């Protein structure tokens, strides 16, 4: 059995990128509505992402996915059989799992998403040959 645990450094890096976008978006909106205090958009964007990151960290960093020879199991009773996985791809620091029926799951905040994909693909190949 293999476990995929979230990486705290990846979590922080992802939130740093979100913070930059939120700050820029906040300033852009205020500029578009002709607000003379554009700088407050940066403060608001920064505060929003930092509060969200702090508040959600304990929950998101506890989401562990497990992979065995037959199925991939995630938090909140998410499960898919290895044979039902149609696609795997990276999205920033996450791995998106797409099933043949169209269900999508995210294995979030992975230090090395390509390694996660390689591990799942190796398990898929073993299951297909068995």
C-alpha atoms as a PDB file:
ATOM      1  CA  UNK A   1       0.000   0.000   0.000  1.00  0.00           C
ATOM      2  CA  UNK A   2       1.285   3.458  -0.932  1.00  0.00           C
ATOM      3  CA  UNK A   3       0.235   6.691   0.739  1.00  0.00           C
ATOM      4  CA  UNK A   4       0.221  10.113  -0.882  1.00  0.00           C
ATOM      5  CA  UNK A   5       0.416  12.755   1.841  1.00  0.00           C
ATOM      6  CA  UNK A   6       0.247  16.502   1.221  1.00  0.00           C
ATOM      7  CA  UNK A   7       3.520  18.415   1.433  1.00  0.00           C
ATOM      8  CA  UNK A   8       3.466  21.504   3.662  1.00  0.00           C
ATOM      9  CA  UNK A   9       6.087  23.341   1.582  1.00  0.00           C
ATOM     10  CA  UNK A  10       4.015  22.818  -1.576  1.00  0.00           C
ATOM     11  CA  UNK A  11       0.940  24.031   0.321  1.00  0.00           C
ATOM     12  CA  UNK A  12       2.727  27.240   1.326  1.00  0.00           C
ATOM     13  CA  UNK A  13       4.165  27.775  -2.183  1.00  0.00           C
ATOM     14  CA  UNK A  14       0.722  27.318  -3.748  1.00  0.00           C
ATOM     15  CA  UNK A  15      -0.753  29.858  -1.360  1.00  0.00           C
ATOM     16  CA  UNK A  16       2.050  32.313  -2.124  1.00  0.00           C
ATOM     17  CA  UNK A  17       1.140  32.146  -5.817  1.00  0.00           C
ATOM     18  CA  UNK A  18      -2.574  32.532  -4.991  1.00  0.00           C
ATOM     19  CA  UNK A  19      -1.708  35.532  -2.831  1.00  0.00           C
ATOM     20  CA  UNK A  20       0.076  37.266  -5.700  1.00  0.00           C
ATOM     21  CA  UNK A  21      -2.904  36.711  -8.018  1.00  0.00           C
ATOM     22  CA  UNK A  22      -5.422  37.826  -5.379  1.00  0.00           C
ATOM     23  CA  UNK A  23      -3.457  40.996  -4.676  1.00  0.00           C
ATOM     24  CA  UNK A  24      -3.199  41.850  -8.377  1.00  0.00           C
ATOM     25  CA  UNK A  25      -6.885  41.068  -8.978  1.00  0.00           C
ATOM     26  CA  UNK A  26      -7.962  43.204  -6.025  1.00  0.00           C
ATOM     27  CA  UNK A  27      -5.927  46.143  -7.276  1.00  0.00           C
ATOM     28  CA  UNK A  28      -7.214  45.689 -10.840  1.00  0.00           C
ATOM     29  CA  UNK A  29     -10.848  45.716  -9.725  1.00  0.00           C
ATOM     30  CA  UNK A  30     -10.336  48.865  -7.695  1.00  0.00           C
ATOM     31  CA  UNK A  31      -8.531  50.516 -10.611  1.00  0.00           C
ATOM     32  CA  UNK A  32     -11.359  49.552 -12.996  1.00  0.00           C
ATOM     33  CA  UNK A  33     -13.988  51.107 -10.744  1.00  0.00           C
ATOM     34  CA  UNK A  34     -11.809  54.212 -10.435  1.00  0.00           C
ATOM     35  CA  UNK A  35     -11.171  53.879  -6.710  1.00  0.00           C
ATOM     36  CA  UNK A  36      -8.398  56.237  -5.548  1.00  0.00           C
ATOM     37  CA  UNK A  37      -7.138  53.690  -2.969  1.00  0.00           C
ATOM     38  CA  UNK A  38      -5.930  50.948  -5.294  1.00  0.00           C
ATOM     39  CA  UNK A  39      -3.363  49.711  -2.761  1.00  0.00           C
ATOM     40  CA  UNK A  40      -6.163  48.408  -0.515  1.00  0.00           C
ATOM     41  CA  UNK A  41      -6.848  45.704  -3.113  1.00  0.00           C
ATOM     42  CA  UNK A  42      -3.399  44.277  -2.404  1.00  0.00           C
ATOM     43  CA  UNK A  43      -4.034  44.313   1.331  1.00  0.00           C
ATOM     44  CA  UNK A  44      -7.436  42.651   0.894  1.00  0.00           C
ATOM     45  CA  UNK A  45      -6.113  39.980  -1.476  1.00  0.00           C
ATOM     46  CA  UNK A  46      -3.228  39.224   0.851  1.00  0.00           C
ATOM     47  CA  UNK A  47      -5.474  39.009   3.910  1.00  0.00           C
ATOM     48  CA  UNK A  48      -8.054  36.818   2.175  1.00  0.00           C
ATOM     49  CA  UNK A  49      -5.556  34.172   1.054  1.00  0.00           C
ATOM     50  CA  UNK A  50      -3.562  34.177   4.299  1.00  0.00           C
ATOM     51  CA  UNK A  51      -6.695  33.741   6.422  1.00  0.00           C
ATOM     52  CA  UNK A  52      -7.975  30.990   4.111  1.00  0.00           C
ATOM     53  CA  UNK A  53      -4.603  29.232   4.126  1.00  0.00           C
ATOM     54  CA  UNK A  54      -4.322  29.355   7.905  1.00  0.00           C
ATOM     55  CA  UNK A  55      -7.937  28.279   8.477  1.00  0.00           C
ATOM     56  CA  UNK A  56      -7.911  25.389   5.993  1.00  0.00           C
ATOM     57  CA  UNK A  57      -4.382  24.088   6.583  1.00  0.00           C
ATOM     58  CA  UNK A  58      -5.219  21.541   9.274  1.00  0.00           C
ATOM     59  CA  UNK A  59      -7.955  19.995   7.137  1.00  0.00           C
ATOM     60  CA  UNK A  60      -6.163  20.059   3.783  1.00  0.00           C
ATOM     61  CA  UNK A  61      -2.831  18.815   5.103  1.00  0.00           C
ATOM     62  CA  UNK A  62      -4.576  15.783   6.640  1.00  0.00           C
ATOM     63  CA  UNK A  63      -6.020  14.555   3.309  1.00  0.00           C
ATOM     64  CA  UNK A  64      -4.178  11.305   2.647  1.00  0.00           C
ATOM     65  CA  UNK A  65      -4.741   9.168  -0.436  1.00  0.00           C
ATOM     66  CA  UNK A  66      -3.866   5.463  -0.404  1.00  0.00           C
ATOM     67  CA  UNK A  67      -3.162   3.217  -3.340  1.00  0.00           C
ATOM     68  CA  UNK A  68      -3.267  -0.555  -3.246  1.00  0.00           C
ATOM     69  CA  UNK A  69      -3.245  -3.125  -6.037  1.00  0.00           C
ATOM     70  CA  UNK A  70      -6.940  -2.588  -6.851  1.00  0.00           C
ATOM     71  CA  UNK A  71      -8.095   0.863  -5.781  1.00  0.00           C
ATOM     72  CA  UNK A  72      -7.199   4.456  -5.026  1.00  0.00           C
ATOM     73  CA  UNK A  73      -8.850   5.695  -1.841  1.00  0.00           C
ATOM     74  CA  UNK A  74      -9.044   9.314  -0.758  1.00  0.00           C
ATOM     75  CA  UNK A  75     -10.559  11.383   2.009  1.00  0.00           C
ATOM     76  CA  UNK A  76     -14.314  11.587   2.533  1.00  0.00           C
ATOM     77  CA  UNK A  77     -14.903   8.051   1.193  1.00  0.00           C
ATOM     78  CA  UNK A  78     -13.643   8.860  -2.305  1.00  0.00           C
ATOM     79  CA  UNK A  79     -12.677   5.674  -4.113  1.00  0.00           C
ATOM     80  CA  UNK A  80     -11.954   4.533  -7.596  1.00  0.00           C
ATOM     81  CA  UNK A  81     -10.761   1.236  -8.918  1.00  0.00           C
ATOM     82  CA  UNK A  82      -7.328   1.400 -10.537  1.00  0.00           C
ATOM     83  CA  UNK A  83      -8.787  -0.175 -13.678  1.00  0.00           C
ATOM     84  CA  UNK A  84     -11.308   2.692 -13.930  1.00  0.00           C
ATOM     85  CA  UNK A  85      -8.661   5.433 -14.127  1.00  0.00           C
ATOM     86  CA  UNK A  86      -8.652   6.942 -17.609  1.00  0.00           C
ATOM     87  CA  UNK A  87      -6.241   9.882 -17.238  1.00  0.00           C
ATOM     88  CA  UNK A  88      -3.710  11.325 -14.838  1.00  0.00           C
ATOM     89  CA  UNK A  89      -2.305  14.826 -15.154  1.00  0.00           C
ATOM     90  CA  UNK A  90      -0.612  17.469 -13.071  1.00  0.00           C
ATOM     91  CA  UNK A  91      -2.242  20.751 -12.134  1.00  0.00           C
ATOM     92  CA  UNK A  92       0.330  22.884 -10.293  1.00  0.00           C
ATOM     93  CA  UNK A  93       1.232  20.801  -7.207  1.00  0.00           C
ATOM     94  CA  UNK A  94      -1.678  18.400  -7.572  1.00  0.00           C
ATOM     95  CA  UNK A  95      -2.467  15.258  -9.524  1.00  0.00           C
ATOM     96  CA  UNK A  96      -5.839  15.111 -11.232  1.00  0.00           C
ATOM     97  CA  UNK A  97      -7.320  11.637 -11.521  1.00  0.00           C
ATOM     98  CA  UNK A  98     -10.005  11.279 -14.198  1.00  0.00           C
ATOM     99  CA  UNK A  99     -12.039   8.077 -14.287  1.00  0.00           C
ATOM    100  CA  UNK A 100     -13.612   6.434 -17.311  1.00  0.00           C
ATOM    101  CA  UNK A 101     -17.035   7.578 -16.066  1.00  0.00           C
ATOM    102  CA  UNK A 102     -15.800  11.187 -15.913  1.00  0.00           C
ATOM    103  CA  UNK A 103     -15.341  11.558 -12.156  1.00  0.00           C
ATOM    104  CA  UNK A 104     -12.431  13.801 -11.232  1.00  0.00           C
ATOM    105  CA  UNK A 105     -10.359  13.763  -8.057  1.00  0.00           C
ATOM    106  CA  UNK A 106      -7.408  15.881  -6.929  1.00  0.00           C
ATOM    107  CA  UNK A 107      -4.517  14.535  -4.941  1.00  0.00           C
ATOM    108  CA  UNK A 108      -3.453  17.942  -3.646  1.00  0.00           C
ATOM    109  CA  UNK A 109      -0.158  19.498  -2.586  1.00  0.00           C
ATOM    110  CA  UNK A 110       2.213  16.788  -3.777  1.00  0.00           C
ATOM    111  CA  UNK A 111       5.928  17.508  -3.653  1.00  0.00           C
ATOM    112  CA  UNK A 112       6.556  15.478  -6.820  1.00  0.00           C
ATOM    113  CA  UNK A 113       3.338  15.046  -8.867  1.00  0.00           C
ATOM    114  CA  UNK A 114       5.174  13.179 -11.642  1.00  0.00           C
ATOM    115  CA  UNK A 115       6.285  10.541  -9.147  1.00  0.00           C
ATOM    116  CA  UNK A 116       2.679  10.103  -7.975  1.00  0.00           C
ATOM    117  CA  UNK A 117       1.566   9.631 -11.588  1.00  0.00           C
ATOM    118  CA  UNK A 118       4.362   7.112 -12.222  1.00  0.00           C
ATOM    119  CA  UNK A 119       3.401   5.132  -9.114  1.00  0.00           C
ATOM    120  CA  UNK A 120      -0.282   5.020 -10.075  1.00  0.00           C
ATOM    121  CA  UNK A 121       0.553   4.097 -13.682  1.00  0.00           C
ATOM    122  CA  UNK A 122       2.819   1.256 -12.520  1.00  0.00           C
ATOM    123  CA  UNK A 123      -0.015  -0.061 -10.346  1.00  0.00           C
ATOM    124  CA  UNK A 124      -2.442   0.228 -13.294  1.00  0.00           C
ATOM    125  CA  UNK A 125      -0.088  -1.764 -15.518  1.00  0.00           C
ATOM    126  CA  UNK A 126       0.296  -4.511 -12.904  1.00  0.00           C
ATOM    127  CA  UNK A 127      -3.481  -4.679 -12.439  1.00  0.00           C
ATOM    128  CA  UNK A 128      -4.067  -4.876 -16.202  1.00  0.00           C
ATOM    129  CA  UNK A 129      -1.591  -7.733 -16.628  1.00  0.00           C
ATOM    130  CA  UNK A 130      -2.946  -9.731 -13.703  1.00  0.00           C
END
